[in-house]
Amino acid sequence: MALVNVSTNTGGDFVPIVKYDARAGRLFRVDKDETGSNPVDITRAFRAVFDFEQVEVGWILFSAGGAPDFRMAPFGQPLPERPTADYKQGVRLRIKLSPACGGDVRELAGTSAAFPRGINALHDEWMTQAKLNAGKLPIVSLEDTLPVESGAGAKRSTNYQPVFRIVGWAPRPADMPLANGHAAPAPAARPAAARPPSNGSTVVAPPPPAAKPAAVASIEDTMTDDFG
């Protein structure tokens, strides 16, 4: 189910961003200091937890030299009214970067046609796997980029569609809470095993189970530790 071709939200606490440059097919962590914005290329190392449970869709205005204006709604709710023709359909969600990419929570948003196509495909993959990974969020990597040409003649241009892949699952990080402070529901406790009716005999404890070999951490276990 596509996210794009999908209560107004224009504010909120500032969250640092990750920017996808569709013209170059690159991902940048945008850091800020007293000198301004400093993009850091994290394309090759990119791995992050994506919070698709709280993804937003709607209208976005990116203006040169100014803060972006978001008119968004949670996915599945009616699309907000488009303020003007300058606003483009887009998607916004929070991600938590792996330690190799910075390790903090960032906002990822975009309107270029190539970017939502990549997010739509990833969202479809998430929807097919989410029920099998209840209580967890997908760990995502950037596998590739695909050239997408548009226009003709002097107006011909090439953008690059990101190809994201789910490479693991992790519990929701503590610094990515659900809206309004709600915690993700805890797994239901297993019911206690029923005792057999008493027949006057002496109950003998079963023999202890055979010792199991030491567990070897899997790649997914290691990735999950990155997002604890």
N, C-alpha and C. Protein backbone atom coordinates (compact mmCIF):
# COMPACT_ATOMS: atom_id res chain seq x y z
N MET A 1 0.86 -1.19 0.00
CA MET A 1 0.00 0.00 0.00
C MET A 1 0.89 1.23 0.00
N ALA A 2 0.72 2.11 -0.97
CA ALA A 2 1.61 3.26 -1.10
C ALA A 2 1.36 4.28 0.00
N LEU A 3 2.43 4.86 0.49
CA LEU A 3 2.31 5.92 1.49
C LEU A 3 1.91 7.23 0.84
N VAL A 4 2.54 7.56 -0.28
CA VAL A 4 2.27 8.82 -0.96
C VAL A 4 1.33 8.55 -2.11
N ASN A 5 0.46 9.46 -2.44
CA ASN A 5 -0.75 9.36 -3.25
C ASN A 5 -1.78 8.96 -2.22
N VAL A 6 -1.28 9.52 -1.05
CA VAL A 6 -1.97 9.35 0.19
C VAL A 6 -2.65 10.72 0.50
N SER A 7 -4.25 15.68 11.81
CA SER A 7 -4.42 17.06 12.14
C SER A 7 -3.22 17.83 11.66
N THR A 8 -3.26 18.71 10.85
CA THR A 8 -2.17 19.51 10.34
C THR A 8 -1.06 19.61 11.37
N ASN A 9 0.18 19.45 10.90
CA ASN A 9 1.30 19.50 11.82
C ASN A 9 2.40 20.32 11.19
N THR A 10 2.63 21.50 11.73
CA THR A 10 3.66 22.39 11.16
C THR A 10 4.77 22.69 12.14
N GLY A 11 4.64 22.18 13.36
CA GLY A 11 5.63 22.54 14.37
C GLY A 11 6.16 21.33 15.09
N GLY A 12 6.43 21.54 16.39
CA GLY A 12 6.96 20.45 17.21
C GLY A 12 8.41 20.69 17.57
N ASP A 13 8.93 19.83 18.42
CA ASP A 13 10.31 19.95 18.84
C ASP A 13 11.25 19.74 17.66
N PHE A 14 12.35 20.48 17.67
CA PHE A 14 13.32 20.34 16.59
C PHE A 14 14.02 18.99 16.68
N VAL A 15 14.08 18.29 15.57
CA VAL A 15 14.78 17.01 15.49
C VAL A 15 15.81 17.14 14.37
N PRO A 16 17.07 16.79 14.61
CA PRO A 16 18.06 16.85 13.54
C PRO A 16 17.66 15.91 12.40
N ILE A 17 18.17 16.15 11.23
CA ILE A 17 17.67 15.45 10.05
C ILE A 17 18.73 14.60 9.36
N VAL A 18 18.22 13.64 8.59
CA VAL A 18 18.98 12.95 7.56
C VAL A 18 18.35 13.35 6.24
N LYS A 19 19.16 13.71 5.30
CA LYS A 19 18.67 14.18 4.00
C LYS A 19 19.05 13.20 2.90
N TYR A 20 18.07 12.86 2.07
CA TYR A 20 18.36 12.05 0.89
C TYR A 20 18.43 12.98 -0.31
N ASP A 21 19.59 13.02 -0.97
CA ASP A 21 19.79 13.83 -2.16
C ASP A 21 19.48 12.97 -3.38
N ALA A 22 18.28 13.14 -3.94
CA ALA A 22 17.85 12.30 -5.06
C ALA A 22 18.66 12.56 -6.32
N ARG A 23 19.24 13.75 -6.45
CA ARG A 23 20.03 14.05 -7.64
C ARG A 23 21.35 13.30 -7.65
N ALA A 24 21.85 12.95 -6.47
CA ALA A 24 23.13 12.23 -6.38
C ALA A 24 22.96 10.81 -5.88
N GLY A 25 21.78 10.48 -5.33
CA GLY A 25 21.58 9.15 -4.76
C GLY A 25 22.40 8.94 -3.49
N ARG A 26 22.51 9.99 -2.65
CA ARG A 26 23.33 9.93 -1.46
C ARG A 26 22.51 10.31 -0.23
N LEU A 27 22.88 9.73 0.93
CA LEU A 27 22.26 10.05 2.21
C LEU A 27 23.25 10.84 3.06
N PHE A 28 22.76 11.93 3.65
CA PHE A 28 23.61 12.79 4.47
C PHE A 28 22.99 12.99 5.85
N ARG A 29 23.81 12.86 6.87
CA ARG A 29 23.45 13.30 8.21
C ARG A 29 23.79 14.78 8.29
N VAL A 30 22.81 15.62 8.59
CA VAL A 30 23.05 17.07 8.62
C VAL A 30 23.26 17.51 10.06
N ASP A 31 24.49 17.85 10.39
CA ASP A 31 24.84 18.35 11.72
C ASP A 31 24.86 19.87 11.69
N LYS A 32 24.56 20.47 12.84
CA LYS A 32 24.57 21.93 12.92
C LYS A 32 25.45 22.40 14.07
N ASP A 33 26.17 23.48 13.81
CA ASP A 33 26.96 24.12 14.85
C ASP A 33 26.94 25.62 14.60
N GLU A 34 27.84 26.35 15.26
CA GLU A 34 27.83 27.81 15.13
C GLU A 34 28.14 28.28 13.72
N THR A 35 28.72 27.40 12.89
CA THR A 35 29.05 27.79 11.52
C THR A 35 27.92 27.52 10.54
N GLY A 36 26.90 26.77 10.99
CA GLY A 36 25.78 26.45 10.12
C GLY A 36 25.57 24.95 9.98
N SER A 37 25.03 24.52 8.84
CA SER A 37 24.74 23.11 8.59
C SER A 37 25.92 22.43 7.94
N ASN A 38 26.24 21.24 8.44
CA ASN A 38 27.38 20.49 7.91
C ASN A 38 26.92 19.08 7.52
N PRO A 39 26.75 18.83 6.22
CA PRO A 39 26.33 17.49 5.79
C PRO A 39 27.46 16.48 5.87
N VAL A 40 27.13 15.29 6.40
CA VAL A 40 28.10 14.20 6.52
C VAL A 40 27.56 13.01 5.72
N ASP A 41 28.30 12.57 4.73
CA ASP A 41 27.86 11.48 3.86
C ASP A 41 27.89 10.15 4.62
N ILE A 42 26.71 9.52 4.78
CA ILE A 42 26.62 8.23 5.48
C ILE A 42 26.04 7.15 4.56
N THR A 43 26.13 7.37 3.25
CA THR A 43 25.50 6.48 2.28
C THR A 43 25.99 5.04 2.42
N ARG A 44 27.28 4.83 2.42
CA ARG A 44 27.82 3.47 2.41
C ARG A 44 27.59 2.74 3.73
N ALA A 45 27.61 3.47 4.83
CA ALA A 45 27.45 2.83 6.14
C ALA A 45 26.01 2.83 6.63
N PHE A 46 25.08 3.37 5.84
CA PHE A 46 23.74 3.63 6.35
C PHE A 46 23.04 2.38 6.88
N ARG A 47 22.59 2.48 8.11
CA ARG A 47 21.74 1.49 8.74
C ARG A 47 20.98 2.19 9.85
N ALA A 48 19.67 1.97 9.91
CA ALA A 48 18.86 2.71 10.88
C ALA A 48 17.58 1.95 11.17
N VAL A 49 17.02 2.21 12.36
CA VAL A 49 15.68 1.74 12.70
C VAL A 49 14.68 2.74 12.15
N PHE A 50 13.67 2.26 11.43
CA PHE A 50 12.65 3.11 10.84
C PHE A 50 11.35 2.97 11.65
N ASP A 51 10.78 4.10 12.07
CA ASP A 51 9.54 4.07 12.85
C ASP A 51 8.33 4.21 11.93
N PHE A 52 8.01 3.13 11.22
CA PHE A 52 6.86 3.15 10.32
C PHE A 52 5.53 3.18 11.08
N GLU A 53 5.54 2.85 12.37
CA GLU A 53 4.30 2.89 13.13
C GLU A 53 3.78 4.32 13.28
N GLN A 54 4.68 5.31 13.10
CA GLN A 54 4.28 6.71 13.26
C GLN A 54 4.62 7.55 12.03
N VAL A 55 4.69 6.91 10.86
CA VAL A 55 4.99 7.64 9.64
C VAL A 55 3.86 8.62 9.31
N GLU A 56 4.23 9.76 8.73
CA GLU A 56 3.26 10.79 8.34
C GLU A 56 3.34 11.06 6.85
N VAL A 57 2.22 11.43 6.27
CA VAL A 57 2.16 11.81 4.86
C VAL A 57 1.41 13.13 4.75
N GLY A 58 1.63 13.85 3.66
CA GLY A 58 0.92 15.12 3.49
C GLY A 58 1.64 16.03 2.52
N TRP A 59 1.64 17.32 2.86
CA TRP A 59 2.19 18.35 1.98
C TRP A 59 3.40 19.00 2.64
N ILE A 60 4.47 19.17 1.87
CA ILE A 60 5.71 19.73 2.41
C ILE A 60 6.20 20.84 1.48
N LEU A 61 6.67 21.92 2.12
CA LEU A 61 7.28 23.02 1.37
C LEU A 61 8.72 23.18 1.84
N PHE A 62 9.67 22.89 0.95
CA PHE A 62 11.07 23.14 1.21
C PHE A 62 11.44 24.44 0.51
N SER A 63 11.81 25.47 1.29
CA SER A 63 12.16 26.76 0.71
C SER A 63 13.62 27.07 0.99
N ALA A 64 14.30 27.63 0.01
CA ALA A 64 15.72 27.93 0.15
C ALA A 64 15.93 28.94 1.29
N GLY A 65 16.82 28.59 2.22
CA GLY A 65 17.15 29.52 3.29
C GLY A 65 16.16 29.56 4.44
N GLY A 66 15.08 28.79 4.35
CA GLY A 66 14.07 28.80 5.41
C GLY A 66 13.76 27.41 5.91
N ALA A 67 13.07 27.36 7.05
CA ALA A 67 12.69 26.06 7.61
C ALA A 67 11.58 25.44 6.77
N PRO A 68 11.57 24.13 6.61
CA PRO A 68 10.48 23.49 5.85
C PRO A 68 9.15 23.61 6.58
N ASP A 69 8.09 23.64 5.82
CA ASP A 69 6.74 23.70 6.40
C ASP A 69 6.03 22.39 6.10
N PHE A 70 5.57 21.71 7.15
CA PHE A 70 4.93 20.41 7.02
C PHE A 70 3.44 20.52 7.32
N ARG A 71 2.61 19.99 6.44
CA ARG A 71 1.17 19.86 6.68
C ARG A 71 0.86 18.37 6.56
N MET A 72 0.99 17.67 7.69
CA MET A 72 1.04 16.22 7.67
C MET A 72 -0.10 15.58 8.46
N ALA A 73 -0.33 14.32 8.20
CA ALA A 73 -1.29 13.51 8.94
C ALA A 73 -0.72 12.11 9.07
N PRO A 74 -1.06 11.39 10.14
CA PRO A 74 -0.62 10.00 10.25
C PRO A 74 -1.11 9.18 9.07
N PHE A 75 -0.29 8.26 8.61
CA PHE A 75 -0.67 7.40 7.50
C PHE A 75 -1.99 6.69 7.82
N GLY A 76 -2.90 6.70 6.85
CA GLY A 76 -4.20 6.07 7.03
C GLY A 76 -5.30 7.05 7.34
N GLN A 77 -4.94 8.31 7.69
CA GLN A 77 -5.93 9.34 7.95
C GLN A 77 -6.07 10.23 6.72
N PRO A 78 -7.16 11.03 6.65
CA PRO A 78 -7.36 11.88 5.47
C PRO A 78 -6.19 12.83 5.25
N LEU A 79 -5.86 13.03 3.99
CA LEU A 79 -4.78 13.93 3.62
C LEU A 79 -5.19 15.37 3.95
N PRO A 80 -4.32 16.15 4.57
CA PRO A 80 -4.66 17.55 4.86
C PRO A 80 -4.87 18.35 3.58
N GLU A 81 -5.49 19.50 3.72
CA GLU A 81 -5.69 20.38 2.57
C GLU A 81 -4.36 20.94 2.10
N ARG A 82 -4.17 20.98 0.81
CA ARG A 82 -2.93 21.52 0.24
C ARG A 82 -2.97 23.04 0.32
N PRO A 83 -2.00 23.67 1.03
CA PRO A 83 -2.06 25.12 1.21
C PRO A 83 -1.96 25.89 -0.11
N THR A 84 -0.94 25.57 -0.92
CA THR A 84 -0.74 26.21 -2.22
C THR A 84 -0.11 25.20 -3.17
N ALA A 85 -0.01 25.60 -4.42
CA ALA A 85 0.60 24.71 -5.42
C ALA A 85 2.09 24.51 -5.19
N ASP A 86 2.71 25.33 -4.34
CA ASP A 86 4.14 25.18 -4.06
C ASP A 86 4.43 23.99 -3.15
N TYR A 87 3.41 23.50 -2.46
CA TYR A 87 3.59 22.36 -1.58
C TYR A 87 3.52 21.07 -2.38
N LYS A 88 4.41 20.14 -2.06
CA LYS A 88 4.45 18.86 -2.76
C LYS A 88 4.13 17.72 -1.81
N GLN A 89 3.54 16.66 -2.38
CA GLN A 89 3.27 15.48 -1.56
C GLN A 89 4.58 14.87 -1.07
N GLY A 90 4.58 14.49 0.19
CA GLY A 90 5.79 13.91 0.74
C GLY A 90 5.51 13.01 1.92
N VAL A 91 6.58 12.53 2.49
CA VAL A 91 6.50 11.59 3.62
C VAL A 91 7.53 12.01 4.66
N ARG A 92 7.21 11.78 5.94
CA ARG A 92 8.13 12.11 7.02
C ARG A 92 8.07 11.03 8.09
N LEU A 93 9.23 10.62 8.59
CA LEU A 93 9.27 9.65 9.68
C LEU A 93 10.56 9.83 10.46
N ARG A 94 10.57 9.26 11.65
CA ARG A 94 11.77 9.30 12.48
C ARG A 94 12.54 7.99 12.33
N ILE A 95 13.85 8.13 12.37
CA ILE A 95 14.73 6.98 12.28
C ILE A 95 15.80 7.11 13.36
N LYS A 96 16.35 5.97 13.79
CA LYS A 96 17.49 6.00 14.71
C LYS A 96 18.68 5.40 14.00
N LEU A 97 19.72 6.20 13.85
CA LEU A 97 20.91 5.77 13.13
C LEU A 97 21.71 4.76 13.94
N SER A 98 22.41 3.90 13.23
CA SER A 98 23.33 2.97 13.88
C SER A 98 24.50 3.77 14.46
N PRO A 99 25.25 3.19 15.41
CA PRO A 99 26.40 3.90 15.97
C PRO A 99 27.40 4.36 14.90
N ALA A 100 27.56 3.57 13.85
CA ALA A 100 28.51 3.94 12.80
C ALA A 100 28.09 5.20 12.05
N CYS A 101 26.80 5.52 12.11
CA CYS A 101 26.29 6.68 11.39
C CYS A 101 25.98 7.86 12.31
N GLY A 102 26.21 7.69 13.61
CA GLY A 102 25.95 8.78 14.55
C GLY A 102 25.20 8.34 15.79
N GLY A 103 24.31 7.33 15.65
CA GLY A 103 23.64 6.73 16.79
C GLY A 103 22.49 7.50 17.39
N ASP A 104 22.08 8.61 16.79
CA ASP A 104 20.99 9.40 17.38
C ASP A 104 19.71 9.28 16.55
N VAL A 105 18.63 9.86 17.09
CA VAL A 105 17.34 9.87 16.41
C VAL A 105 17.27 11.07 15.48
N ARG A 106 16.84 10.83 14.27
CA ARG A 106 16.78 11.88 13.24
C ARG A 106 15.43 11.82 12.53
N GLU A 107 15.17 12.87 11.77
CA GLU A 107 13.96 12.93 10.95
C GLU A 107 14.37 12.78 9.49
N LEU A 108 13.63 11.96 8.77
CA LEU A 108 13.87 11.74 7.34
C LEU A 108 12.61 12.12 6.60
N ALA A 109 12.71 13.05 5.66
CA ALA A 109 11.54 13.51 4.92
C ALA A 109 11.95 13.84 3.49
N GLY A 110 10.99 13.79 2.58
CA GLY A 110 11.30 14.12 1.20
C GLY A 110 10.06 14.21 0.33
N THR A 111 10.22 14.90 -0.80
CA THR A 111 9.12 15.08 -1.75
C THR A 111 9.47 14.68 -3.17
N SER A 112 10.76 14.55 -3.48
CA SER A 112 11.13 14.21 -4.86
C SER A 112 10.49 12.88 -5.23
N ALA A 113 10.06 12.74 -6.46
CA ALA A 113 9.33 11.54 -6.88
C ALA A 113 10.13 10.27 -6.60
N ALA A 114 11.44 10.32 -6.75
CA ALA A 114 12.27 9.14 -6.56
C ALA A 114 12.28 8.69 -5.11
N PHE A 115 12.31 9.63 -4.17
CA PHE A 115 12.39 9.28 -2.75
C PHE A 115 11.13 8.57 -2.26
N PRO A 116 9.92 9.11 -2.46
CA PRO A 116 8.72 8.39 -2.01
C PRO A 116 8.55 7.01 -2.65
N ARG A 117 9.01 6.84 -3.89
CA ARG A 117 8.92 5.51 -4.50
C ARG A 117 9.71 4.50 -3.68
N GLY A 118 10.92 4.88 -3.28
CA GLY A 118 11.73 3.99 -2.47
C GLY A 118 11.13 3.72 -1.11
N ILE A 119 10.55 4.75 -0.49
CA ILE A 119 9.91 4.59 0.82
C ILE A 119 8.65 3.74 0.69
N ASN A 120 7.89 3.95 -0.40
CA ASN A 120 6.68 3.13 -0.61
C ASN A 120 7.02 1.64 -0.68
N ALA A 121 8.07 1.31 -1.43
CA ALA A 121 8.45 -0.10 -1.57
C ALA A 121 8.89 -0.67 -0.23
N LEU A 122 9.64 0.12 0.56
CA LEU A 122 10.07 -0.34 1.87
C LEU A 122 8.87 -0.50 2.81
N HIS A 123 7.93 0.42 2.74
CA HIS A 123 6.73 0.34 3.58
C HIS A 123 5.92 -0.92 3.25
N ASP A 124 5.83 -1.26 1.98
CA ASP A 124 5.13 -2.49 1.59
C ASP A 124 5.82 -3.71 2.20
N GLU A 125 7.17 -3.72 2.16
CA GLU A 125 7.92 -4.83 2.74
C GLU A 125 7.67 -4.90 4.25
N TRP A 126 7.64 -3.74 4.90
CA TRP A 126 7.38 -3.70 6.35
C TRP A 126 6.00 -4.26 6.67
N MET A 127 5.00 -3.90 5.89
CA MET A 127 3.63 -4.34 6.17
C MET A 127 3.49 -5.86 6.06
N THR A 128 4.25 -6.48 5.18
CA THR A 128 4.16 -7.94 5.02
C THR A 128 4.86 -8.68 6.15
N GLN A 129 5.78 -8.01 6.87
CA GLN A 129 6.57 -8.68 7.90
C GLN A 129 6.25 -8.23 9.32
N ALA A 130 5.51 -7.14 9.47
CA ALA A 130 5.32 -6.54 10.80
C ALA A 130 4.64 -7.48 11.78
N LYS A 131 3.62 -8.22 11.34
CA LYS A 131 2.89 -9.09 12.26
C LYS A 131 3.75 -10.22 12.79
N LEU A 132 4.76 -10.61 12.02
CA LEU A 132 5.66 -11.67 12.46
C LEU A 132 6.74 -11.13 13.40
N ASN A 133 6.78 -9.81 13.56
CA ASN A 133 7.80 -9.17 14.41
C ASN A 133 7.14 -8.16 15.34
N ALA A 134 6.08 -8.59 16.00
CA ALA A 134 5.31 -7.71 16.88
C ALA A 134 6.20 -7.11 17.96
N GLY A 135 5.99 -5.82 18.22
CA GLY A 135 6.77 -5.14 19.24
C GLY A 135 8.14 -4.69 18.79
N LYS A 136 8.46 -4.88 17.51
CA LYS A 136 9.77 -4.51 17.01
C LYS A 136 9.63 -3.56 15.81
N LEU A 137 10.72 -2.88 15.52
CA LEU A 137 10.79 -1.98 14.36
C LEU A 137 11.86 -2.50 13.41
N PRO A 138 11.72 -2.20 12.11
CA PRO A 138 12.69 -2.73 11.14
C PRO A 138 14.02 -2.01 11.18
N ILE A 139 15.08 -2.80 11.03
CA ILE A 139 16.43 -2.25 10.83
C ILE A 139 16.64 -2.22 9.31
N VAL A 140 16.97 -1.05 8.79
CA VAL A 140 16.97 -0.83 7.34
C VAL A 140 18.36 -0.41 6.86
N SER A 141 18.73 -0.93 5.70
CA SER A 141 19.96 -0.49 5.05
C SER A 141 19.63 0.03 3.66
N LEU A 142 20.53 0.80 3.10
CA LEU A 142 20.40 1.26 1.72
C LEU A 142 21.18 0.31 0.84
N GLU A 143 20.45 -0.50 0.05
CA GLU A 143 21.10 -1.53 -0.75
C GLU A 143 21.62 -1.01 -2.07
N ASP A 144 20.90 -0.05 -2.68
CA ASP A 144 21.27 0.40 -4.02
C ASP A 144 20.49 1.67 -4.33
N THR A 145 20.76 2.26 -5.47
CA THR A 145 19.96 3.36 -6.01
C THR A 145 19.72 3.08 -7.49
N LEU A 146 18.56 3.48 -7.98
CA LEU A 146 18.19 3.24 -9.37
C LEU A 146 17.97 4.56 -10.09
N PRO A 147 18.59 4.77 -11.25
CA PRO A 147 18.38 6.02 -11.99
C PRO A 147 16.95 6.10 -12.55
N VAL A 148 16.35 7.27 -12.38
CA VAL A 148 15.01 7.52 -12.91
C VAL A 148 15.08 8.79 -13.74
N GLU A 149 14.87 8.66 -15.05
CA GLU A 149 14.96 9.82 -15.94
C GLU A 149 13.58 10.45 -16.12
N SER A 150 13.58 11.76 -16.27
CA SER A 150 12.33 12.50 -16.50
C SER A 150 12.61 13.68 -17.41
N GLY A 151 11.53 14.21 -18.00
CA GLY A 151 11.68 15.35 -18.90
C GLY A 151 12.24 14.94 -20.25
N ALA A 152 12.46 15.94 -21.07
CA ALA A 152 13.00 15.70 -22.41
C ALA A 152 13.81 16.91 -22.86
N GLY A 153 14.73 16.65 -23.78
CA GLY A 153 15.54 17.73 -24.32
C GLY A 153 16.37 18.41 -23.26
N ALA A 154 16.34 19.76 -23.27
CA ALA A 154 17.13 20.53 -22.31
C ALA A 154 16.64 20.34 -20.88
N LYS A 155 15.40 19.87 -20.71
CA LYS A 155 14.83 19.69 -19.37
C LYS A 155 14.97 18.25 -18.87
N ARG A 156 15.68 17.45 -19.62
CA ARG A 156 15.87 16.06 -19.21
C ARG A 156 16.77 16.00 -17.98
N SER A 157 16.39 15.19 -17.00
CA SER A 157 17.18 15.08 -15.78
C SER A 157 17.11 13.65 -15.25
N THR A 158 18.04 13.32 -14.38
CA THR A 158 18.10 11.99 -13.76
C THR A 158 18.13 12.12 -12.25
N ASN A 159 17.20 11.48 -11.59
CA ASN A 159 17.22 11.35 -10.14
C ASN A 159 17.46 9.88 -9.80
N TYR A 160 17.73 9.61 -8.53
CA TYR A 160 18.05 8.25 -8.13
C TYR A 160 17.10 7.78 -7.03
N GLN A 161 16.40 6.69 -7.33
CA GLN A 161 15.45 6.11 -6.37
C GLN A 161 16.20 5.22 -5.39
N PRO A 162 16.02 5.44 -4.09
CA PRO A 162 16.70 4.58 -3.12
C PRO A 162 16.06 3.19 -3.07
N VAL A 163 16.90 2.19 -2.92
CA VAL A 163 16.43 0.82 -2.73
C VAL A 163 16.78 0.42 -1.30
N PHE A 164 15.79 0.52 -0.41
CA PHE A 164 15.99 0.16 0.99
C PHE A 164 15.61 -1.30 1.20
N ARG A 165 16.25 -1.94 2.18
CA ARG A 165 15.94 -3.32 2.52
C ARG A 165 15.90 -3.49 4.03
N ILE A 166 14.96 -4.30 4.50
CA ILE A 166 14.90 -4.66 5.92
C ILE A 166 15.92 -5.77 6.16
N VAL A 167 16.87 -5.51 7.05
CA VAL A 167 17.93 -6.48 7.31
C VAL A 167 17.86 -7.06 8.72
N GLY A 168 16.89 -6.64 9.50
CA GLY A 168 16.72 -7.15 10.85
C GLY A 168 15.59 -6.43 11.56
N TRP A 169 15.38 -6.79 12.83
CA TRP A 169 14.31 -6.18 13.63
C TRP A 169 14.86 -5.91 15.02
N ALA A 170 14.41 -4.82 15.64
CA ALA A 170 14.88 -4.45 16.97
C ALA A 170 13.71 -3.94 17.80
N PRO A 171 13.75 -4.14 19.12
CA PRO A 171 12.73 -3.54 19.98
C PRO A 171 12.75 -2.02 19.82
N ARG A 172 11.61 -1.38 20.05
CA ARG A 172 11.54 0.08 19.92
C ARG A 172 12.57 0.72 20.85
N PRO A 173 13.47 1.55 20.32
CA PRO A 173 14.46 2.22 21.17
C PRO A 173 13.79 3.16 22.17
N ALA A 174 14.39 3.30 23.34
CA ALA A 174 13.81 4.13 24.39
C ALA A 174 13.71 5.59 23.97
N ASP A 175 14.60 6.05 23.08
CA ASP A 175 14.56 7.44 22.65
C ASP A 175 13.70 7.64 21.39
N MET A 176 12.87 6.64 21.06
CA MET A 176 11.88 6.78 19.98
C MET A 176 10.50 6.37 20.52
N PRO A 177 9.98 7.08 21.54
CA PRO A 177 8.71 6.67 22.14
C PRO A 177 7.54 6.87 21.19
N LEU A 178 6.47 6.13 21.44
CA LEU A 178 5.23 6.35 20.72
C LEU A 178 4.66 7.71 21.11
N ALA A 179 3.80 8.28 20.26
CA ALA A 179 3.22 9.59 20.52
C ALA A 179 2.52 9.60 21.87
N ASN A 180 2.54 10.76 22.53
CA ASN A 180 1.88 10.97 23.82
C ASN A 180 2.50 10.13 24.93
N GLY A 181 3.72 9.64 24.70
CA GLY A 181 4.42 8.93 25.75
C GLY A 181 3.96 7.51 25.99
N HIS A 182 3.11 6.98 25.13
CA HIS A 182 2.65 5.61 25.33
C HIS A 182 3.78 4.63 25.02
N ALA A 183 3.94 3.66 25.87
CA ALA A 183 4.95 2.63 25.63
C ALA A 183 4.36 1.53 24.78
N ALA A 184 5.21 0.87 24.01
CA ALA A 184 4.74 -0.26 23.22
C ALA A 184 4.21 -1.34 24.16
N PRO A 185 3.11 -2.02 23.80
CA PRO A 185 2.55 -3.04 24.68
C PRO A 185 3.53 -4.18 24.92
N ALA A 186 3.59 -4.64 26.16
CA ALA A 186 4.47 -5.76 26.50
C ALA A 186 3.86 -7.06 26.01
N PRO A 187 4.70 -8.03 25.61
CA PRO A 187 4.16 -9.32 25.19
C PRO A 187 3.34 -9.94 26.30
N ALA A 188 2.25 -10.61 25.93
CA ALA A 188 1.40 -11.25 26.93
C ALA A 188 2.17 -12.34 27.64
N ALA A 189 1.96 -12.44 28.97
CA ALA A 189 2.64 -13.47 29.76
C ALA A 189 2.06 -14.83 29.43
N ARG A 190 2.91 -15.83 29.44
CA ARG A 190 2.43 -17.18 29.17
C ARG A 190 1.64 -17.69 30.37
N PRO A 191 0.51 -18.36 30.15
CA PRO A 191 -0.25 -18.90 31.28
C PRO A 191 0.54 -20.00 31.97
N ALA A 192 0.36 -20.11 33.32
CA ALA A 192 1.06 -21.15 34.08
C ALA A 192 0.55 -22.52 33.67
N ALA A 193 1.46 -23.48 33.62
CA ALA A 193 1.06 -24.84 33.23
C ALA A 193 0.12 -25.43 34.28
N ALA A 194 -0.93 -26.07 33.83
CA ALA A 194 -1.91 -26.66 34.74
C ALA A 194 -1.31 -27.87 35.45
N ARG A 195 -1.63 -28.01 36.75
CA ARG A 195 -1.13 -29.15 37.50
C ARG A 195 -2.06 -30.33 37.31
N PRO A 196 -1.54 -31.57 37.24
CA PRO A 196 -2.41 -32.74 37.11
C PRO A 196 -3.14 -32.98 38.42
N PRO A 197 -4.31 -33.57 38.38
CA PRO A 197 -5.05 -33.84 39.61
C PRO A 197 -4.27 -34.79 40.51
N SER A 198 -4.42 -34.57 41.83
CA SER A 198 -3.72 -35.41 42.80
C SER A 198 -4.30 -36.81 42.83
N ASN A 199 -3.43 -37.84 42.86
CA ASN A 199 -3.90 -39.22 42.95
C ASN A 199 -3.25 -39.94 44.13
N GLY A 200 -2.64 -39.15 45.03
CA GLY A 200 -2.04 -39.73 46.23
C GLY A 200 -0.62 -40.19 46.03
N SER A 201 -0.10 -40.17 44.80
CA SER A 201 1.26 -40.62 44.55
C SER A 201 2.25 -39.48 44.81
N THR A 202 3.50 -39.86 44.98
CA THR A 202 4.54 -38.86 45.22
C THR A 202 5.02 -38.31 43.88
N VAL A 203 5.08 -36.99 43.83
CA VAL A 203 5.52 -36.34 42.60
C VAL A 203 7.04 -36.34 42.58
N VAL A 204 7.61 -36.89 41.53
CA VAL A 204 9.06 -36.93 41.37
C VAL A 204 9.47 -35.89 40.34
N ALA A 205 10.41 -35.06 40.71
CA ALA A 205 10.85 -34.01 39.79
C ALA A 205 11.49 -34.64 38.55
N PRO A 206 11.23 -34.08 37.36
CA PRO A 206 11.85 -34.60 36.15
C PRO A 206 13.34 -34.35 36.16
N PRO A 207 14.10 -35.14 35.42
CA PRO A 207 15.55 -34.92 35.37
C PRO A 207 15.86 -33.57 34.74
N PRO A 208 16.95 -32.94 35.16
CA PRO A 208 17.29 -31.64 34.58
C PRO A 208 17.59 -31.78 33.09
N PRO A 209 17.24 -30.77 32.31
CA PRO A 209 17.51 -30.83 30.86
C PRO A 209 19.01 -30.85 30.59
N ALA A 210 19.34 -31.46 29.47
CA ALA A 210 20.75 -31.51 29.09
C ALA A 210 21.27 -30.10 28.85
N ALA A 211 22.52 -29.88 29.20
CA ALA A 211 23.11 -28.55 29.01
C ALA A 211 23.14 -28.20 27.54
N LYS A 212 22.75 -26.96 27.25
CA LYS A 212 22.77 -26.51 25.86
C LYS A 212 24.12 -25.90 25.54
N PRO A 213 24.56 -26.05 24.30
CA PRO A 213 25.83 -25.40 23.93
C PRO A 213 25.70 -23.90 24.02
N ALA A 214 26.80 -23.24 24.28
CA ALA A 214 26.77 -21.78 24.39
C ALA A 214 26.22 -21.18 23.12
N ALA A 215 25.32 -20.19 23.29
CA ALA A 215 24.71 -19.54 22.13
C ALA A 215 25.73 -18.67 21.42
N VAL A 216 25.64 -18.67 20.12
CA VAL A 216 26.52 -17.84 19.31
C VAL A 216 25.70 -16.67 18.81
N ALA A 217 26.13 -15.44 19.04
CA ALA A 217 25.38 -14.27 18.63
C ALA A 217 25.24 -14.24 17.11
N SER A 218 24.03 -14.01 16.66
CA SER A 218 23.79 -13.92 15.22
C SER A 218 24.04 -12.50 14.76
N ILE A 219 24.07 -12.34 13.44
CA ILE A 219 24.24 -10.99 12.89
C ILE A 219 23.09 -10.10 13.34
N GLU A 220 21.86 -10.66 13.36
CA GLU A 220 20.72 -9.85 13.77
C GLU A 220 20.83 -9.46 15.24
N ASP A 221 21.30 -10.38 16.11
CA ASP A 221 21.49 -10.04 17.51
C ASP A 221 22.45 -8.86 17.64
N THR A 222 23.52 -8.89 16.89
CA THR A 222 24.51 -7.83 16.93
C THR A 222 23.90 -6.51 16.49
N MET A 223 23.10 -6.55 15.41
CA MET A 223 22.46 -5.34 14.93
C MET A 223 21.47 -4.81 15.96
N THR A 224 20.73 -5.72 16.63
CA THR A 224 19.77 -5.30 17.65
C THR A 224 20.48 -4.58 18.78
N ASP A 225 21.65 -5.07 19.19
CA ASP A 225 22.41 -4.41 20.25
C ASP A 225 22.76 -2.98 19.87
N ASP A 226 22.96 -2.71 18.59
CA ASP A 226 23.30 -1.36 18.14
C ASP A 226 22.19 -0.35 18.44
N PHE A 227 20.97 -0.82 18.57
CA PHE A 227 19.83 0.09 18.70
C PHE A 227 19.14 0.00 20.05
N GLY A 228 19.81 -0.57 21.06
CA GLY A 228 19.23 -0.71 22.38
C GLY A 228 19.07 0.63 23.08
